[in-house]
Amino acid sequence: MLELLMNFLRACWWPSSERYVHAGTDAAGRQDGLLWYKDLGQHITGEFSMAVVQANNLLEDQSQIESGPLSTLESGPYGTFVGIYDGHGGPETSRYINDHLFQHLKRFASENQSISTDVIKKAYQATEEGFHSLVTKQWPSKPQIAAVGSCCLVGVICGGTLYVANLGDSRAVLGRLVKATGEVLAVQLSAEHNACFESVRQELQSLHPDDSQIVVLKHNVWRVKGLIQVSRSIGDVYLKKAEFNREPLLAKFRLREPLKRPILSAEPAISVQALQPHDQFLIFASDGLWEHLSNQEAVNIVQNHPRSFPHGTFSGKCSATCESCTSGSSKEERNAVLRSQKD
């Protein structure tokens, strides 16, 4: 398994000569067994590439890199957007996010003439509301779409500032150089929303004090209402609106008691920080990767497979991963590596 993960990450360090400003999961690439990869070239201040390990017959995950204008205005702002959409229950939500989230961000950035936490929150909210509308339209003929959802991890680099927004249990990790020792240490940047964390269980219990079954230990795994591990997501409308938690939805998704208020949230956790010269690279990855590697182990893999940059330039490598192939399960693993350079 470790060899597979290392090969997967190495695929994103191969050289590139072409220039791209947009990349999605449908871009043409190369196939090597379970490994799909493509060197996508340059983003606005550096280079990026992508790789995927697929085990599912139906790909539930999506990812994208957009570089250049972050609004519809010629005046900018300009930067790079990385999105990792780790779907569950089906592909519909992750595909919807892939098609709409960045466009919403551009619209709100144009209105505000800048990137901010408020712009990112509005983009998430508009995407959530749009998917709810899609569920409403498809419910009569396709009720199971109410039980489809996706985690949503986004990174935006603009003007030397890094914004990391997260819903679900994906994670962003920074590789930071310690000048005194020459080591590159892992620094976690994102908060995760998984019931395996006591803090998440406490949050849910405080929000639902009248529900003793808001989190349930099922088969040695903590789950919200015994159904799902994440407490925040896009989609999963069956745990947000009562009208979608009834027949003809499959019985296994229906709650025994009426849904009085939303159980899951679509409010992203957002961190903001200025990138510094000693910040070497970023890894954006879903829970699948972190099931096999610690933060530091992942940083070590990236650090031990560098690419050459001109003297005096800053390199920031963003490794964005959807899900790793885990023993006894069928999951996809996706990786997009982005390097930024600044004088």
C-alpha atoms as a PDB file:
ATOM      1  CA  MET A   1       0.000   0.000   0.000  1.00  0.00           C
ATOM      2  CA  LEU A   2       2.784   2.463   0.868  1.00  0.00           C
ATOM      3  CA  GLU A   3       4.475   1.713  -2.467  1.00  0.00           C
ATOM      4  CA  LEU A   4       1.198   2.457  -4.285  1.00  0.00           C
ATOM      5  CA  LEU A   5       0.821   5.763  -2.445  1.00  0.00           C
ATOM      6  CA  MET A   6       4.417   6.759  -3.161  1.00  0.00           C
ATOM      7  CA  ASN A   7       4.028   5.918  -6.861  1.00  0.00           C
ATOM      8  CA  PHE A   8       0.837   7.919  -6.846  1.00  0.00           C
ATOM      9  CA  LEU A   9       2.524  10.993  -5.402  1.00  0.00           C
ATOM     10  CA  ARG A  10       5.614  10.590  -7.603  1.00  0.00           C
ATOM     11  CA  ALA A  11       3.362  10.768 -10.669  1.00  0.00           C
ATOM     12  CA  CYS A  12       2.773  14.408  -9.853  1.00  0.00           C
ATOM     13  CA  TRP A  13       6.421  15.353  -9.967  1.00  0.00           C
ATOM     14  CA  TRP A  14       7.142  14.515 -13.605  1.00  0.00           C
ATOM     15  CA  PRO A  15       8.191  17.375 -15.850  1.00  0.00           C
ATOM     16  CA  SER A  16       5.822  19.474 -17.912  1.00  0.00           C
ATOM     17  CA  SER A  17       6.276  21.881 -20.792  1.00  0.00           C
ATOM     18  CA  GLU A  18       2.714  22.924 -21.708  1.00  0.00           C
ATOM     19  CA  ARG A  19       0.724  25.758 -20.155  1.00  0.00           C
ATOM     20  CA  TYR A  20      -2.815  25.298 -18.870  1.00  0.00           C
ATOM     21  CA  VAL A  21      -5.151  27.576 -16.956  1.00  0.00           C
ATOM     22  CA  HIS A  22      -7.926  25.045 -16.341  1.00  0.00           C
ATOM     23  CA  ALA A  23      -7.870  21.392 -15.389  1.00  0.00           C
ATOM     24  CA  GLY A  24     -10.664  19.043 -14.458  1.00  0.00           C
ATOM     25  CA  THR A  25     -11.074  15.336 -13.935  1.00  0.00           C
ATOM     26  CA  ASP A  26     -12.084  14.806 -17.556  1.00  0.00           C
ATOM     27  CA  ALA A  27      -8.789  16.083 -18.940  1.00  0.00           C
ATOM     28  CA  ALA A  28      -6.903  13.604 -21.133  1.00  0.00           C
ATOM     29  CA  GLY A  29      -4.072  11.790 -19.397  1.00  0.00           C
ATOM     30  CA  ARG A  30      -2.015   8.622 -19.299  1.00  0.00           C
ATOM     31  CA  GLN A  31      -2.959   5.278 -17.790  1.00  0.00           C
ATOM     32  CA  ASP A  32      -0.639   2.918 -15.919  1.00  0.00           C
ATOM     33  CA  GLY A  33      -2.718   0.169 -14.338  1.00  0.00           C
ATOM     34  CA  LEU A  34      -4.809   1.757 -11.590  1.00  0.00           C
ATOM     35  CA  LEU A  35      -2.786   4.944 -11.878  1.00  0.00           C
ATOM     36  CA  TRP A  36      -4.004   7.775 -14.127  1.00  0.00           C
ATOM     37  CA  TYR A  37      -1.805  10.840 -14.396  1.00  0.00           C
ATOM     38  CA  LYS A  38      -1.321  13.958 -16.432  1.00  0.00           C
ATOM     39  CA  ASP A  39       1.234  16.753 -16.298  1.00  0.00           C
ATOM     40  CA  LEU A  40      -0.921  19.808 -16.746  1.00  0.00           C
ATOM     41  CA  GLY A  41       1.773  22.449 -16.994  1.00  0.00           C
ATOM     42  CA  GLN A  42       1.774  25.880 -15.405  1.00  0.00           C
ATOM     43  CA  HIS A  43      -0.616  27.816 -13.247  1.00  0.00           C
ATOM     44  CA  ILE A  44      -0.399  31.569 -12.815  1.00  0.00           C
ATOM     45  CA  THR A  45       2.821  31.519 -10.757  1.00  0.00           C
ATOM     46  CA  GLY A  46       4.269  28.044 -11.199  1.00  0.00           C
ATOM     47  CA  GLU A  47       3.496  24.468 -12.216  1.00  0.00           C
ATOM     48  CA  PHE A  48       0.922  21.820 -11.411  1.00  0.00           C
ATOM     49  CA  SER A  49       0.012  18.246 -12.310  1.00  0.00           C
ATOM     50  CA  MET A  50      -2.632  15.679 -11.384  1.00  0.00           C
ATOM     51  CA  ALA A  51      -2.927  11.951 -10.728  1.00  0.00           C
ATOM     52  CA  VAL A  52      -5.713   9.502  -9.851  1.00  0.00           C
ATOM     53  CA  VAL A  53      -5.857   5.940  -8.530  1.00  0.00           C
ATOM     54  CA  GLN A  54      -9.338   4.554  -9.219  1.00  0.00           C
ATOM     55  CA  ALA A  55     -10.868   1.427  -7.684  1.00  0.00           C
ATOM     56  CA  ASN A  56     -14.600   2.146  -8.091  1.00  0.00           C
ATOM     57  CA  ASN A  57     -16.421   1.325 -11.307  1.00  0.00           C
ATOM     58  CA  LEU A  58     -18.273   4.592 -10.825  1.00  0.00           C
ATOM     59  CA  LEU A  59     -16.023   7.523  -9.969  1.00  0.00           C
ATOM     60  CA  GLU A  60     -17.682   9.488  -7.139  1.00  0.00           C
ATOM     61  CA  ASP A  61     -14.947  12.105  -6.705  1.00  0.00           C
ATOM     62  CA  GLN A  62     -13.963  15.198  -8.642  1.00  0.00           C
ATOM     63  CA  SER A  63     -11.105  17.696  -8.516  1.00  0.00           C
ATOM     64  CA  GLN A  64     -10.126  20.844 -10.353  1.00  0.00           C
ATOM     65  CA  ILE A  65      -7.428  23.483 -10.680  1.00  0.00           C
ATOM     66  CA  GLU A  66      -8.264  26.923 -12.019  1.00  0.00           C
ATOM     67  CA  SER A  67      -5.576  29.541 -12.471  1.00  0.00           C
ATOM     68  CA  GLY A  68      -5.806  33.094 -13.690  1.00  0.00           C
ATOM     69  CA  PRO A  69      -8.752  35.440 -13.055  1.00  0.00           C
ATOM     70  CA  LEU A  70     -10.622  34.686  -9.834  1.00  0.00           C
ATOM     71  CA  SER A  71     -13.434  37.009 -10.895  1.00  0.00           C
ATOM     72  CA  THR A  72     -15.116  38.170 -14.087  1.00  0.00           C
ATOM     73  CA  LEU A  73     -13.304  41.522 -13.925  1.00  0.00           C
ATOM     74  CA  GLU A  74     -10.233  42.298 -16.029  1.00  0.00           C
ATOM     75  CA  SER A  75      -8.743  44.006 -12.984  1.00  0.00           C
ATOM     76  CA  GLY A  76      -8.703  40.709 -11.103  1.00  0.00           C
ATOM     77  CA  PRO A  77      -8.095  39.450  -8.532  1.00  0.00           C
ATOM     78  CA  TYR A  78      -5.804  36.778 -10.007  1.00  0.00           C
ATOM     79  CA  GLY A  79      -4.638  33.579  -8.382  1.00  0.00           C
ATOM     80  CA  THR A  80      -5.037  29.818  -8.224  1.00  0.00           C
ATOM     81  CA  PHE A  81      -7.997  27.720  -7.073  1.00  0.00           C
ATOM     82  CA  VAL A  82      -7.707  24.040  -6.083  1.00  0.00           C
ATOM     83  CA  GLY A  83     -10.809  21.968  -5.307  1.00  0.00           C
ATOM     84  CA  ILE A  84     -11.098  18.403  -3.996  1.00  0.00           C
ATOM     85  CA  TYR A  85     -14.615  16.968  -3.876  1.00  0.00           C
ATOM     86  CA  ASP A  86     -14.782  13.617  -2.105  1.00  0.00           C
ATOM     87  CA  GLY A  87     -18.203  12.219  -2.993  1.00  0.00           C
ATOM     88  CA  HIS A  88     -20.236   9.545  -1.227  1.00  0.00           C
ATOM     89  CA  GLY A  89     -23.461   7.782  -2.134  1.00  0.00           C
ATOM     90  CA  GLY A  90     -23.001   8.616  -5.812  1.00  0.00           C
ATOM     91  CA  PRO A  91     -21.246  11.046  -8.165  1.00  0.00           C
ATOM     92  CA  GLU A  92     -23.936  13.722  -8.494  1.00  0.00           C
ATOM     93  CA  THR A  93     -22.870  16.081  -5.709  1.00  0.00           C
ATOM     94  CA  SER A  94     -19.159  16.119  -6.475  1.00  0.00           C
ATOM     95  CA  ARG A  95     -19.916  16.712 -10.156  1.00  0.00           C
ATOM     96  CA  TYR A  96     -22.268  19.544  -9.278  1.00  0.00           C
ATOM     97  CA  ILE A  97     -19.636  21.180  -7.071  1.00  0.00           C
ATOM     98  CA  ASN A  98     -17.049  20.787  -9.820  1.00  0.00           C
ATOM     99  CA  ASP A  99     -19.354  22.595 -12.249  1.00  0.00           C
ATOM    100  CA  HIS A 100     -20.607  25.399  -9.985  1.00  0.00           C
ATOM    101  CA  LEU A 101     -18.461  26.255  -6.943  1.00  0.00           C
ATOM    102  CA  PHE A 102     -15.677  28.084  -8.770  1.00  0.00           C
ATOM    103  CA  GLN A 103     -18.181  29.985 -10.897  1.00  0.00           C
ATOM    104  CA  HIS A 104     -19.973  31.141  -7.757  1.00  0.00           C
ATOM    105  CA  LEU A 105     -16.656  32.207  -6.248  1.00  0.00           C
ATOM    106  CA  LYS A 106     -15.861  34.285  -9.347  1.00  0.00           C
ATOM    107  CA  ARG A 107     -19.281  35.943  -9.190  1.00  0.00           C
ATOM    108  CA  PHE A 108     -18.973  36.944  -5.535  1.00  0.00           C
ATOM    109  CA  ALA A 109     -15.327  37.978  -5.968  1.00  0.00           C
ATOM    110  CA  SER A 110     -16.447  40.279  -8.792  1.00  0.00           C
ATOM    111  CA  GLU A 111     -19.082  41.849  -6.568  1.00  0.00           C
ATOM    112  CA  ASN A 112     -16.553  42.413  -3.781  1.00  0.00           C
ATOM    113  CA  GLN A 113     -13.584  43.039  -6.118  1.00  0.00           C
ATOM    114  CA  SER A 114     -11.478  40.787  -3.901  1.00  0.00           C
ATOM    115  CA  ILE A 115     -11.126  37.310  -2.402  1.00  0.00           C
ATOM    116  CA  SER A 116     -12.157  37.005   1.238  1.00  0.00           C
ATOM    117  CA  THR A 117     -13.572  34.490   3.704  1.00  0.00           C
ATOM    118  CA  ASP A 118     -16.994  36.019   3.100  1.00  0.00           C
ATOM    119  CA  VAL A 119     -16.686  35.462  -0.665  1.00  0.00           C
ATOM    120  CA  ILE A 120     -15.729  31.815  -0.108  1.00  0.00           C
ATOM    121  CA  LYS A 121     -18.591  31.240   2.362  1.00  0.00           C
ATOM    122  CA  LYS A 122     -21.085  32.728  -0.098  1.00  0.00           C
ATOM    123  CA  ALA A 123     -19.754  30.474  -2.870  1.00  0.00           C
ATOM    124  CA  TYR A 124     -20.222  27.398  -0.664  1.00  0.00           C
ATOM    125  CA  GLN A 125     -23.720  28.516   0.331  1.00  0.00           C
ATOM    126  CA  ALA A 126     -24.779  29.150  -3.271  1.00  0.00           C
ATOM    127  CA  THR A 127     -23.462  25.721  -4.287  1.00  0.00           C
ATOM    128  CA  GLU A 128     -25.339  24.044  -1.438  1.00  0.00           C
ATOM    129  CA  GLU A 129     -28.569  25.846  -2.314  1.00  0.00           C
ATOM    130  CA  GLY A 130     -28.180  25.027  -5.988  1.00  0.00           C
ATOM    131  CA  PHE A 131     -27.758  21.326  -5.271  1.00  0.00           C
ATOM    132  CA  HIS A 132     -30.810  21.394  -3.004  1.00  0.00           C
ATOM    133  CA  SER A 133     -32.784  22.800  -5.933  1.00  0.00           C
ATOM    134  CA  LEU A 134     -31.509  19.975  -8.139  1.00  0.00           C
ATOM    135  CA  VAL A 135     -32.612  17.410  -5.539  1.00  0.00           C
ATOM    136  CA  THR A 136     -36.070  18.999  -5.424  1.00  0.00           C
ATOM    137  CA  LYS A 137     -36.419  18.687  -9.202  1.00  0.00           C
ATOM    138  CA  GLN A 138     -35.174  15.084  -9.366  1.00  0.00           C
ATOM    139  CA  TRP A 139     -36.828  13.771  -6.173  1.00  0.00           C
ATOM    140  CA  PRO A 140     -40.000  12.393  -7.874  1.00  0.00           C
ATOM    141  CA  SER A 141     -38.040  10.236 -10.337  1.00  0.00           C
ATOM    142  CA  LYS A 142     -34.734   9.786  -8.487  1.00  0.00           C
ATOM    143  CA  PRO A 143     -35.276   9.972  -4.710  1.00  0.00           C
ATOM    144  CA  GLN A 144     -31.889   8.456  -3.858  1.00  0.00           C
ATOM    145  CA  ILE A 145     -30.191  11.685  -4.945  1.00  0.00           C
ATOM    146  CA  ALA A 146     -31.234  13.031  -1.519  1.00  0.00           C
ATOM    147  CA  ALA A 147     -28.699  10.644   0.073  1.00  0.00           C
ATOM    148  CA  VAL A 148     -25.793  11.721  -2.170  1.00  0.00           C
ATOM    149  CA  GLY A 149     -23.237  14.156  -0.793  1.00  0.00           C
ATOM    150  CA  SER A 150     -19.644  15.281  -0.926  1.00  0.00           C
ATOM    151  CA  CYS A 151     -16.887  16.615   1.253  1.00  0.00           C
ATOM    152  CA  CYS A 152     -15.434  19.825  -0.150  1.00  0.00           C
ATOM    153  CA  LEU A 153     -11.851  20.997   0.380  1.00  0.00           C
ATOM    154  CA  VAL A 154     -10.748  24.183  -1.372  1.00  0.00           C
ATOM    155  CA  GLY A 155      -7.509  26.134  -1.477  1.00  0.00           C
ATOM    156  CA  VAL A 156      -7.245  29.622  -2.936  1.00  0.00           C
ATOM    157  CA  ILE A 157      -3.900  31.389  -3.348  1.00  0.00           C
ATOM    158  CA  CYS A 158      -4.262  35.079  -4.104  1.00  0.00           C
ATOM    159  CA  GLY A 159      -1.758  37.875  -3.575  1.00  0.00           C
ATOM    160  CA  GLY A 160       0.502  35.723  -1.412  1.00  0.00           C
ATOM    161  CA  THR A 161      -2.382  34.761   0.885  1.00  0.00           C
ATOM    162  CA  LEU A 162      -3.635  31.206   1.282  1.00  0.00           C
ATOM    163  CA  TYR A 163      -7.289  30.504   2.042  1.00  0.00           C
ATOM    164  CA  VAL A 164      -8.218  26.933   3.017  1.00  0.00           C
ATOM    165  CA  ALA A 165     -11.910  26.062   3.278  1.00  0.00           C
ATOM    166  CA  ASN A 166     -13.193  22.655   4.314  1.00  0.00           C
ATOM    167  CA  LEU A 167     -16.400  20.676   4.746  1.00  0.00           C
ATOM    168  CA  GLY A 168     -16.016  17.076   5.887  1.00  0.00           C
ATOM    169  CA  ASP A 169     -12.926  15.078   6.755  1.00  0.00           C
ATOM    170  CA  SER A 170     -10.395  16.136   4.128  1.00  0.00           C
ATOM    171  CA  ARG A 171      -7.217  17.823   5.318  1.00  0.00           C
ATOM    172  CA  ALA A 172      -4.702  20.469   4.268  1.00  0.00           C
ATOM    173  CA  VAL A 173      -1.114  20.168   5.514  1.00  0.00           C
ATOM    174  CA  LEU A 174       1.725  22.626   5.058  1.00  0.00           C
ATOM    175  CA  GLY A 175       5.378  21.591   4.761  1.00  0.00           C
ATOM    176  CA  ARG A 176       7.353  24.251   6.623  1.00  0.00           C
ATOM    177  CA  LEU A 177      11.144  24.515   6.563  1.00  0.00           C
ATOM    178  CA  VAL A 178      12.904  24.904   9.916  1.00  0.00           C
ATOM    179  CA  LYS A 179      16.035  26.852   8.974  1.00  0.00           C
ATOM    180  CA  ALA A 180      17.959  25.934  12.105  1.00  0.00           C
ATOM    181  CA  THR A 181      17.792  22.186  11.384  1.00  0.00           C
ATOM    182  CA  GLY A 182      16.947  21.994   7.681  1.00  0.00           C
ATOM    183  CA  GLU A 183      13.926  19.811   8.482  1.00  0.00           C
ATOM    184  CA  VAL A 184      10.571  20.258   6.823  1.00  0.00           C
ATOM    185  CA  LEU A 185       7.840  19.856   9.414  1.00  0.00           C
ATOM    186  CA  ALA A 186       4.136  19.179   8.849  1.00  0.00           C
ATOM    187  CA  VAL A 187       1.656  21.844   9.957  1.00  0.00           C
ATOM    188  CA  GLN A 188      -2.049  21.004   9.714  1.00  0.00           C
ATOM    189  CA  LEU A 189      -4.101  23.939   8.419  1.00  0.00           C
ATOM    190  CA  SER A 190      -7.656  22.602   8.317  1.00  0.00           C
ATOM    191  CA  ALA A 191     -10.276  21.448  10.789  1.00  0.00           C
ATOM    192  CA  GLU A 192     -11.999  18.117  10.076  1.00  0.00           C
ATOM    193  CA  HIS A 193     -15.659  17.325  10.590  1.00  0.00           C
ATOM    194  CA  ASN A 194     -15.747  13.623  11.378  1.00  0.00           C
ATOM    195  CA  ALA A 195     -17.597  12.023  14.295  1.00  0.00           C
ATOM    196  CA  CYS A 196     -14.459  10.060  15.202  1.00  0.00           C
ATOM    197  CA  PHE A 197     -13.216  13.260  16.873  1.00  0.00           C
ATOM    198  CA  GLU A 198     -14.577  13.910  20.343  1.00  0.00           C
ATOM    199  CA  SER A 199     -14.773  17.646  19.658  1.00  0.00           C
ATOM    200  CA  VAL A 200     -17.124  16.972  16.715  1.00  0.00           C
ATOM    201  CA  ARG A 201     -19.295  14.657  18.821  1.00  0.00           C
ATOM    202  CA  GLN A 202     -19.486  17.313  21.527  1.00  0.00           C
ATOM    203  CA  GLU A 203     -20.456  19.946  18.955  1.00  0.00           C
ATOM    204  CA  LEU A 204     -23.253  17.753  17.631  1.00  0.00           C
ATOM    205  CA  GLN A 205     -24.477  16.943  21.150  1.00  0.00           C
ATOM    206  CA  SER A 206     -24.539  20.624  22.067  1.00  0.00           C
ATOM    207  CA  LEU A 207     -26.528  21.436  18.915  1.00  0.00           C
ATOM    208  CA  HIS A 208     -28.965  18.560  19.524  1.00  0.00           C
ATOM    209  CA  PRO A 209     -29.245  18.263  23.341  1.00  0.00           C
ATOM    210  CA  ASP A 210     -32.619  16.499  23.094  1.00  0.00           C
ATOM    211  CA  ASP A 211     -31.278  13.690  20.875  1.00  0.00           C
ATOM    212  CA  SER A 212     -29.356  10.988  22.737  1.00  0.00           C
ATOM    213  CA  GLN A 213     -28.728   9.177  19.421  1.00  0.00           C
ATOM    214  CA  ILE A 214     -27.222  12.105  17.504  1.00  0.00           C
ATOM    215  CA  VAL A 215     -23.944  10.174  17.374  1.00  0.00           C
ATOM    216  CA  VAL A 216     -23.857   6.382  17.554  1.00  0.00           C
ATOM    217  CA  LEU A 217     -20.930   3.954  17.829  1.00  0.00           C
ATOM    218  CA  LYS A 218     -21.733   1.438  15.083  1.00  0.00           C
ATOM    219  CA  HIS A 219     -19.365  -1.406  14.212  1.00  0.00           C
ATOM    220  CA  ASN A 220     -16.640   0.406  16.169  1.00  0.00           C
ATOM    221  CA  VAL A 221     -17.087   3.596  14.105  1.00  0.00           C
ATOM    222  CA  TRP A 222     -18.749   6.787  15.333  1.00  0.00           C
ATOM    223  CA  ARG A 223     -21.499   7.897  12.941  1.00  0.00           C
ATOM    224  CA  VAL A 224     -23.945  10.785  12.908  1.00  0.00           C
ATOM    225  CA  LYS A 225     -27.388   9.195  13.518  1.00  0.00           C
ATOM    226  CA  GLY A 226     -25.661   5.876  12.863  1.00  0.00           C
ATOM    227  CA  LEU A 227     -25.548   6.749   9.149  1.00  0.00           C
ATOM    228  CA  ILE A 228     -22.608   8.950   8.155  1.00  0.00           C
ATOM    229  CA  GLN A 229     -19.206   9.813   9.583  1.00  0.00           C
ATOM    230  CA  VAL A 230     -18.973  13.460   8.494  1.00  0.00           C
ATOM    231  CA  SER A 231     -20.939  16.230  10.199  1.00  0.00           C
ATOM    232  CA  ARG A 232     -20.571  18.788   7.384  1.00  0.00           C
ATOM    233  CA  SER A 233     -20.976  18.362   3.641  1.00  0.00           C
ATOM    234  CA  ILE A 234     -22.533  19.626   0.437  1.00  0.00           C
ATOM    235  CA  GLY A 235     -25.669  17.629  -0.333  1.00  0.00           C
ATOM    236  CA  ASP A 236     -26.869  14.808   1.979  1.00  0.00           C
ATOM    237  CA  VAL A 237     -30.192  16.633   1.883  1.00  0.00           C
ATOM    238  CA  TYR A 238     -31.946  13.729   3.630  1.00  0.00           C
ATOM    239  CA  LEU A 239     -30.241  14.853   6.857  1.00  0.00           C
ATOM    240  CA  LYS A 240     -30.981  18.538   6.300  1.00  0.00           C
ATOM    241  CA  LYS A 241     -34.615  18.789   5.165  1.00  0.00           C
ATOM    242  CA  ALA A 242     -37.515  16.740   6.518  1.00  0.00           C
ATOM    243  CA  GLU A 243     -39.309  16.539   3.163  1.00  0.00           C
ATOM    244  CA  PHE A 244     -36.473  14.381   1.807  1.00  0.00           C
ATOM    245  CA  ASN A 245     -36.337  11.966   4.750  1.00  0.00           C
ATOM    246  CA  ARG A 246     -39.382   9.894   3.883  1.00  0.00           C
ATOM    247  CA  GLU A 247     -40.591   7.414   1.309  1.00  0.00           C
ATOM    248  CA  PRO A 248     -39.633   6.677  -1.422  1.00  0.00           C
ATOM    249  CA  LEU A 249     -36.113   7.149   0.028  1.00  0.00           C
ATOM    250  CA  LEU A 250     -34.635   3.768   0.942  1.00  0.00           C
ATOM    251  CA  ALA A 251     -35.559   2.692   4.460  1.00  0.00           C
ATOM    252  CA  LYS A 252     -31.936   2.507   5.600  1.00  0.00           C
ATOM    253  CA  PHE A 253     -31.620   6.286   5.178  1.00  0.00           C
ATOM    254  CA  ARG A 254     -34.891   7.224   6.852  1.00  0.00           C
ATOM    255  CA  LEU A 255     -34.849   8.367  10.471  1.00  0.00           C
ATOM    256  CA  ARG A 256     -37.229   6.819  12.991  1.00  0.00           C
ATOM    257  CA  GLU A 257     -38.245  10.202  14.367  1.00  0.00           C
ATOM    258  CA  PRO A 258     -39.199  13.284  12.309  1.00  0.00           C
ATOM    259  CA  LEU A 259     -36.357  15.597  11.314  1.00  0.00           C
ATOM    260  CA  LYS A 260     -36.990  18.818  13.274  1.00  0.00           C
ATOM    261  CA  ARG A 261     -33.889  20.756  12.159  1.00  0.00           C
ATOM    262  CA  PRO A 262     -30.833  20.117   9.971  1.00  0.00           C
ATOM    263  CA  ILE A 263     -28.439  17.530  11.368  1.00  0.00           C
ATOM    264  CA  LEU A 264     -25.572  18.159   8.948  1.00  0.00           C
ATOM    265  CA  SER A 265     -24.131  21.586   8.141  1.00  0.00           C
ATOM    266  CA  ALA A 266     -22.713  23.156   4.986  1.00  0.00           C
ATOM    267  CA  GLU A 267     -20.819  25.904   6.833  1.00  0.00           C
ATOM    268  CA  PRO A 268     -17.119  25.588   5.875  1.00  0.00           C
ATOM    269  CA  ALA A 269     -14.267  26.020   8.310  1.00  0.00           C
ATOM    270  CA  ILE A 270     -11.880  28.581   6.789  1.00  0.00           C
ATOM    271  CA  SER A 271      -8.302  29.449   7.680  1.00  0.00           C
ATOM    272  CA  VAL A 272      -6.292  32.337   6.257  1.00  0.00           C
ATOM    273  CA  GLN A 273      -2.563  32.904   6.321  1.00  0.00           C
ATOM    274  CA  ALA A 274       0.157  34.709   4.435  1.00  0.00           C
ATOM    275  CA  LEU A 275       2.550  32.377   2.617  1.00  0.00           C
ATOM    276  CA  GLN A 276       6.164  32.762   3.708  1.00  0.00           C
ATOM    277  CA  PRO A 277       9.448  31.787   1.964  1.00  0.00           C
ATOM    278  CA  HIS A 278       9.992  28.969   4.480  1.00  0.00           C
ATOM    279  CA  ASP A 279       6.587  27.467   3.593  1.00  0.00           C
ATOM    280  CA  GLN A 280       7.753  24.794   1.154  1.00  0.00           C
ATOM    281  CA  PHE A 281       4.580  23.083  -0.083  1.00  0.00           C
ATOM    282  CA  LEU A 282       0.968  22.195   0.665  1.00  0.00           C
ATOM    283  CA  ILE A 283      -0.815  18.848   0.619  1.00  0.00           C
ATOM    284  CA  PHE A 284      -4.580  18.822   0.131  1.00  0.00           C
ATOM    285  CA  ALA A 285      -5.934  15.308   0.687  1.00  0.00           C
ATOM    286  CA  SER A 286      -9.063  13.441   1.665  1.00  0.00           C
ATOM    287  CA  ASP A 287      -9.371  11.034   4.553  1.00  0.00           C
ATOM    288  CA  GLY A 288      -8.250   8.076   2.438  1.00  0.00           C
ATOM    289  CA  LEU A 289      -4.653   9.256   2.307  1.00  0.00           C
ATOM    290  CA  TRP A 290      -4.527  10.077   6.006  1.00  0.00           C
ATOM    291  CA  GLU A 291      -5.770   6.597   6.888  1.00  0.00           C
ATOM    292  CA  HIS A 292      -2.373   5.327   5.699  1.00  0.00           C
ATOM    293  CA  LEU A 293       0.022   8.229   6.241  1.00  0.00           C
ATOM    294  CA  SER A 294       0.563  10.660   9.082  1.00  0.00           C
ATOM    295  CA  ASN A 295       0.935  14.342   8.270  1.00  0.00           C
ATOM    296  CA  GLN A 296       4.700  14.085   8.636  1.00  0.00           C
ATOM    297  CA  GLU A 297       4.976  10.915   6.527  1.00  0.00           C
ATOM    298  CA  ALA A 298       3.109  12.600   3.681  1.00  0.00           C
ATOM    299  CA  VAL A 299       5.317  15.688   3.965  1.00  0.00           C
ATOM    300  CA  ASN A 300       8.427  13.493   3.911  1.00  0.00           C
ATOM    301  CA  ILE A 301       7.307  11.798   0.672  1.00  0.00           C
ATOM    302  CA  VAL A 302       6.764  15.163  -0.999  1.00  0.00           C
ATOM    303  CA  GLN A 303      10.005  16.613   0.358  1.00  0.00           C
ATOM    304  CA  ASN A 304      12.047  13.602  -0.750  1.00  0.00           C
ATOM    305  CA  HIS A 305      10.873  13.900  -4.363  1.00  0.00           C
ATOM    306  CA  PRO A 306      11.596  17.550  -5.229  1.00  0.00           C
ATOM    307  CA  ARG A 307      11.634  19.255  -8.590  1.00  0.00           C
ATOM    308  CA  SER A 308      14.258  21.819  -9.521  1.00  0.00           C
ATOM    309  CA  PHE A 309      13.482  25.519  -9.343  1.00  0.00           C
ATOM    310  CA  PRO A 310      15.678  28.466 -10.264  1.00  0.00           C
ATOM    311  CA  HIS A 311      17.852  29.816  -7.487  1.00  0.00           C
ATOM    312  CA  GLY A 312      16.040  32.180  -5.148  1.00  0.00           C
ATOM    313  CA  THR A 313      12.485  31.151  -5.984  1.00  0.00           C
ATOM    314  CA  PHE A 314       9.829  29.993  -3.537  1.00  0.00           C
ATOM    315  CA  SER A 315       8.204  26.650  -4.297  1.00  0.00           C
ATOM    316  CA  GLY A 316       4.773  25.758  -2.972  1.00  0.00           C
ATOM    317  CA  LYS A 317       3.562  22.332  -4.027  1.00  0.00           C
ATOM    318  CA  CYS A 318      -0.125  21.667  -3.461  1.00  0.00           C
ATOM    319  CA  SER A 319      -0.875  17.976  -3.401  1.00  0.00           C
ATOM    320  CA  ALA A 320      -4.628  17.466  -3.583  1.00  0.00           C
ATOM    321  CA  THR A 321      -5.905  13.955  -3.056  1.00  0.00           C
ATOM    322  CA  CYS A 322      -9.442  12.549  -3.110  1.00  0.00           C
ATOM    323  CA  GLU A 323      -9.407   9.045  -1.617  1.00  0.00           C
ATOM    324  CA  SER A 324      -6.852   6.298  -1.236  1.00  0.00           C
ATOM    325  CA  CYS A 325      -7.496   2.649  -1.991  1.00  0.00           C
ATOM    326  CA  THR A 326      -8.031   1.058   1.411  1.00  0.00           C
ATOM    327  CA  SER A 327      -7.932  -2.586   2.304  1.00  0.00           C
ATOM    328  CA  GLY A 328     -11.350  -4.188   2.026  1.00  0.00           C
ATOM    329  CA  SER A 329     -13.018  -1.229   0.359  1.00  0.00           C
ATOM    330  CA  SER A 330     -13.320   0.410  -3.043  1.00  0.00           C
ATOM    331  CA  LYS A 331     -12.163   4.004  -3.074  1.00  0.00           C
ATOM    332  CA  GLU A 332     -10.533   6.401  -5.486  1.00  0.00           C
ATOM    333  CA  GLU A 333      -7.349   8.304  -4.875  1.00  0.00           C
ATOM    334  CA  ARG A 334      -6.815  11.619  -6.596  1.00  0.00           C
ATOM    335  CA  ASN A 335      -3.871  13.960  -6.502  1.00  0.00           C
ATOM    336  CA  ALA A 336      -3.217  17.386  -7.976  1.00  0.00           C
ATOM    337  CA  VAL A 337       0.166  18.912  -7.346  1.00  0.00           C
ATOM    338  CA  LEU A 338       0.584  22.655  -7.686  1.00  0.00           C
ATOM    339  CA  ARG A 339       3.780  24.628  -7.327  1.00  0.00           C
ATOM    340  CA  SER A 340       3.817  28.373  -6.976  1.00  0.00           C
ATOM    341  CA  GLN A 341       6.842  30.563  -7.482  1.00  0.00           C
ATOM    342  CA  LYS A 342       7.461  34.077  -6.329  1.00  0.00           C
ATOM    343  CA  ASP A 343      10.490  36.296  -6.491  1.00  0.00           C
END
